[in-house]
Amino acid sequence: MEFPCDFTIKVIGENSASCIDEITEIARKHFPNLSDEAIRKKPSKQGKYLAFSITVHAQDQATLDAFYLELTKHPDIKMVL
C-alpha cells in the first residue's frame, strides 16, 4: 500500500445511538478531518446490528493500525475488516 491513500474500514456493531456516537468519535480521534459523508451506515435485516463503511485518508500505516486496534477493543463492536 502506498501512502497517503484513501482506505475503507468495515465495522459491524450494535445498533444503538451510543455505539454510533462512539465509533464516530474514535474515527475522528484518528482522522480529525473526517467528513460525515465518509461514514456510511446500514442496519441489519432485524435492526440489531449496524454495518459501517468508514473511508479515511490515511497518511501512514501506524495511524491505520491504531484506528483498527481501538475499534476492535470497543465492547459493542463485533467485527472490524
N, C-alpha and C. Protein backbone atom coordinates (compact mmCIF):
# COMPACT_ATOMS: atom_id res chain seq x y z
N MET A 1 0.84 -1.16 0.00
CA MET A 1 0.00 0.00 0.00
C MET A 1 0.90 1.25 0.00
N GLU A 2 0.52 2.21 -0.80
CA GLU A 2 1.28 3.44 -0.88
C GLU A 2 0.53 4.56 -0.16
N PHE A 3 1.23 5.29 0.70
CA PHE A 3 0.61 6.36 1.47
C PHE A 3 1.06 7.70 0.94
N PRO A 4 0.23 8.73 1.09
CA PRO A 4 -1.13 8.71 1.63
C PRO A 4 -2.11 8.06 0.66
N CYS A 5 -3.21 7.53 1.21
CA CYS A 5 -4.23 6.89 0.38
C CYS A 5 -5.59 6.88 1.09
N ASP A 6 -6.63 6.71 0.30
CA ASP A 6 -7.97 6.52 0.86
C ASP A 6 -8.11 5.04 1.18
N PHE A 7 -8.67 4.74 2.35
CA PHE A 7 -8.80 3.36 2.80
C PHE A 7 -10.15 3.21 3.49
N THR A 8 -10.89 2.15 3.14
CA THR A 8 -12.19 1.91 3.75
C THR A 8 -12.09 0.79 4.76
N ILE A 9 -12.58 1.08 5.96
CA ILE A 9 -12.65 0.08 7.03
C ILE A 9 -14.11 -0.25 7.25
N LYS A 10 -14.41 -1.54 7.34
CA LYS A 10 -15.77 -2.01 7.59
C LYS A 10 -15.88 -2.39 9.07
N VAL A 11 -16.97 -1.95 9.69
CA VAL A 11 -17.20 -2.20 11.11
C VAL A 11 -18.62 -2.69 11.29
N ILE A 12 -18.80 -3.73 12.10
CA ILE A 12 -20.14 -4.20 12.45
C ILE A 12 -20.27 -4.07 13.96
N GLY A 13 -21.32 -3.35 14.39
CA GLY A 13 -21.51 -3.13 15.81
C GLY A 13 -22.98 -3.12 16.18
N GLU A 14 -23.24 -2.97 17.46
CA GLU A 14 -24.60 -2.89 17.96
C GLU A 14 -25.28 -1.66 17.35
N ASN A 15 -26.57 -1.79 17.07
CA ASN A 15 -27.34 -0.67 16.51
C ASN A 15 -27.92 0.13 17.67
N SER A 16 -27.10 1.01 18.22
CA SER A 16 -27.53 1.88 19.31
C SER A 16 -26.93 3.27 19.09
N ALA A 17 -27.60 4.27 19.63
CA ALA A 17 -27.12 5.65 19.47
C ALA A 17 -25.73 5.80 20.09
N SER A 18 -25.50 5.17 21.23
CA SER A 18 -24.20 5.32 21.89
C SER A 18 -23.09 4.68 21.06
N CYS A 19 -23.36 3.53 20.46
CA CYS A 19 -22.35 2.86 19.62
C CYS A 19 -22.03 3.71 18.39
N ILE A 20 -23.04 4.26 17.76
CA ILE A 20 -22.84 5.11 16.58
C ILE A 20 -21.96 6.30 16.95
N ASP A 21 -22.31 6.96 18.07
CA ASP A 21 -21.55 8.13 18.51
C ASP A 21 -20.10 7.77 18.85
N GLU A 22 -19.92 6.63 19.51
CA GLU A 22 -18.57 6.24 19.93
C GLU A 22 -17.70 5.83 18.75
N ILE A 23 -18.27 5.16 17.77
CA ILE A 23 -17.50 4.79 16.57
C ILE A 23 -17.10 6.06 15.82
N THR A 24 -18.02 6.99 15.71
CA THR A 24 -17.72 8.27 15.05
C THR A 24 -16.63 9.01 15.81
N GLU A 25 -16.71 9.01 17.13
CA GLU A 25 -15.70 9.68 17.96
C GLU A 25 -14.32 9.04 17.79
N ILE A 26 -14.28 7.72 17.76
CA ILE A 26 -13.00 7.01 17.55
C ILE A 26 -12.43 7.36 16.18
N ALA A 27 -13.27 7.36 15.16
CA ALA A 27 -12.81 7.67 13.80
C ALA A 27 -12.24 9.09 13.73
N ARG A 28 -12.93 10.04 14.35
CA ARG A 28 -12.47 11.44 14.30
C ARG A 28 -11.26 11.68 15.19
N LYS A 29 -11.07 10.84 16.17
CA LYS A 29 -9.86 10.95 17.01
C LYS A 29 -8.62 10.66 16.16
N HIS A 30 -8.71 9.65 15.31
CA HIS A 30 -7.57 9.26 14.48
C HIS A 30 -7.51 10.04 13.16
N PHE A 31 -8.67 10.49 12.68
CA PHE A 31 -8.75 11.23 11.42
C PHE A 31 -9.63 12.46 11.64
N PRO A 32 -9.06 13.52 12.22
CA PRO A 32 -9.84 14.71 12.63
C PRO A 32 -10.61 15.40 11.50
N ASN A 33 -10.17 15.28 10.28
CA ASN A 33 -10.84 15.95 9.16
C ASN A 33 -11.89 15.08 8.48
N LEU A 34 -12.27 13.97 9.10
CA LEU A 34 -13.23 13.04 8.52
C LEU A 34 -14.60 13.70 8.36
N SER A 35 -15.14 13.65 7.17
CA SER A 35 -16.46 14.26 6.91
C SER A 35 -17.57 13.29 7.28
N ASP A 36 -18.77 13.82 7.46
CA ASP A 36 -19.94 12.97 7.75
C ASP A 36 -20.20 12.00 6.60
N GLU A 37 -19.93 12.43 5.37
CA GLU A 37 -20.17 11.60 4.19
C GLU A 37 -19.23 10.40 4.12
N ALA A 38 -18.11 10.45 4.84
CA ALA A 38 -17.14 9.37 4.82
C ALA A 38 -17.56 8.19 5.70
N ILE A 39 -18.63 8.40 6.48
CA ILE A 39 -19.14 7.35 7.36
C ILE A 39 -20.52 6.95 6.87
N ARG A 40 -20.58 5.74 6.30
CA ARG A 40 -21.87 5.23 5.80
C ARG A 40 -22.36 4.13 6.73
N LYS A 41 -23.67 4.12 7.00
CA LYS A 41 -24.25 3.15 7.92
C LYS A 41 -25.38 2.38 7.24
N LYS A 42 -25.49 1.10 7.60
CA LYS A 42 -26.57 0.28 7.05
C LYS A 42 -27.00 -0.72 8.13
N PRO A 43 -28.28 -0.71 8.51
CA PRO A 43 -28.74 -1.64 9.54
C PRO A 43 -28.89 -3.06 9.00
N SER A 44 -28.79 -4.04 9.90
CA SER A 44 -29.03 -5.44 9.54
C SER A 44 -30.53 -5.64 9.31
N LYS A 45 -30.91 -6.80 8.78
CA LYS A 45 -32.32 -7.06 8.47
C LYS A 45 -33.23 -6.89 9.67
N GLN A 46 -32.83 -7.42 10.82
CA GLN A 46 -33.65 -7.29 12.03
C GLN A 46 -33.35 -6.01 12.81
N GLY A 47 -32.35 -5.26 12.38
CA GLY A 47 -32.04 -3.98 13.01
C GLY A 47 -31.21 -4.07 14.27
N LYS A 48 -30.74 -5.26 14.64
CA LYS A 48 -29.94 -5.41 15.86
C LYS A 48 -28.52 -4.86 15.68
N TYR A 49 -27.99 -4.98 14.47
CA TYR A 49 -26.62 -4.55 14.20
C TYR A 49 -26.61 -3.45 13.15
N LEU A 50 -25.47 -2.77 13.09
CA LEU A 50 -25.27 -1.71 12.11
C LEU A 50 -23.92 -1.92 11.47
N ALA A 51 -23.89 -1.90 10.14
CA ALA A 51 -22.64 -2.02 9.41
C ALA A 51 -22.18 -0.63 9.01
N PHE A 52 -20.93 -0.34 9.29
CA PHE A 52 -20.32 0.94 8.93
C PHE A 52 -19.28 0.72 7.85
N SER A 53 -19.22 1.63 6.91
CA SER A 53 -18.11 1.72 5.97
C SER A 53 -17.51 3.10 6.20
N ILE A 54 -16.29 3.12 6.69
CA ILE A 54 -15.63 4.38 7.03
C ILE A 54 -14.44 4.54 6.10
N THR A 55 -14.50 5.53 5.24
CA THR A 55 -13.40 5.79 4.31
C THR A 55 -12.56 6.93 4.85
N VAL A 56 -11.30 6.62 5.13
CA VAL A 56 -10.39 7.61 5.70
C VAL A 56 -9.27 7.91 4.71
N HIS A 57 -8.66 9.05 4.89
CA HIS A 57 -7.47 9.40 4.09
C HIS A 57 -6.27 9.18 5.02
N ALA A 58 -5.64 8.00 4.87
CA ALA A 58 -4.55 7.60 5.76
C ALA A 58 -3.22 8.16 5.29
N GLN A 59 -2.49 8.71 6.23
CA GLN A 59 -1.15 9.23 5.93
C GLN A 59 -0.07 8.17 6.10
N ASP A 60 -0.35 7.16 6.97
CA ASP A 60 0.65 6.13 7.23
C ASP A 60 0.00 4.89 7.83
N GLN A 61 0.73 3.79 7.84
CA GLN A 61 0.24 2.51 8.35
C GLN A 61 0.00 2.57 9.86
N ALA A 62 0.83 3.29 10.58
CA ALA A 62 0.71 3.35 12.04
C ALA A 62 -0.64 3.94 12.46
N THR A 63 -1.10 4.96 11.75
CA THR A 63 -2.39 5.58 12.07
C THR A 63 -3.53 4.61 11.80
N LEU A 64 -3.47 3.90 10.68
CA LEU A 64 -4.49 2.89 10.37
C LEU A 64 -4.50 1.79 11.42
N ASP A 65 -3.33 1.33 11.82
CA ASP A 65 -3.23 0.27 12.82
C ASP A 65 -3.81 0.71 14.16
N ALA A 66 -3.52 1.93 14.58
CA ALA A 66 -4.03 2.45 15.84
C ALA A 66 -5.56 2.56 15.81
N PHE A 67 -6.10 3.01 14.70
CA PHE A 67 -7.55 3.12 14.50
C PHE A 67 -8.19 1.73 14.59
N TYR A 68 -7.64 0.78 13.87
CA TYR A 68 -8.15 -0.59 13.86
C TYR A 68 -8.13 -1.18 15.27
N LEU A 69 -7.02 -1.03 15.98
CA LEU A 69 -6.90 -1.60 17.32
C LEU A 69 -7.90 -0.99 18.30
N GLU A 70 -8.09 0.30 18.22
CA GLU A 70 -9.06 0.94 19.12
C GLU A 70 -10.48 0.46 18.82
N LEU A 71 -10.81 0.32 17.54
CA LEU A 71 -12.14 -0.20 17.19
C LEU A 71 -12.35 -1.61 17.71
N THR A 72 -11.36 -2.48 17.58
CA THR A 72 -11.52 -3.87 18.00
C THR A 72 -11.65 -4.02 19.51
N LYS A 73 -11.21 -3.04 20.27
CA LYS A 73 -11.31 -3.09 21.74
C LYS A 73 -12.67 -2.63 22.25
N HIS A 74 -13.48 -2.00 21.40
CA HIS A 74 -14.77 -1.48 21.84
C HIS A 74 -15.73 -2.64 22.09
N PRO A 75 -16.42 -2.64 23.26
CA PRO A 75 -17.27 -3.79 23.60
C PRO A 75 -18.50 -3.99 22.71
N ASP A 76 -18.99 -2.94 22.04
CA ASP A 76 -20.18 -3.05 21.20
C ASP A 76 -19.86 -3.42 19.76
N ILE A 77 -18.57 -3.46 19.42
CA ILE A 77 -18.16 -3.78 18.05
C ILE A 77 -17.92 -5.27 17.94
N LYS A 78 -18.57 -5.89 16.96
CA LYS A 78 -18.48 -7.33 16.77
C LYS A 78 -17.41 -7.74 15.78
N MET A 79 -17.14 -6.87 14.78
CA MET A 79 -16.18 -7.23 13.73
C MET A 79 -15.62 -5.96 13.08
N VAL A 80 -14.32 -6.01 12.74
CA VAL A 80 -13.67 -4.93 12.00
C VAL A 80 -12.89 -5.57 10.86
N LEU A 81 -13.13 -5.10 9.66
CA LEU A 81 -12.44 -5.62 8.47
C LEU A 81 -11.70 -4.50 7.77
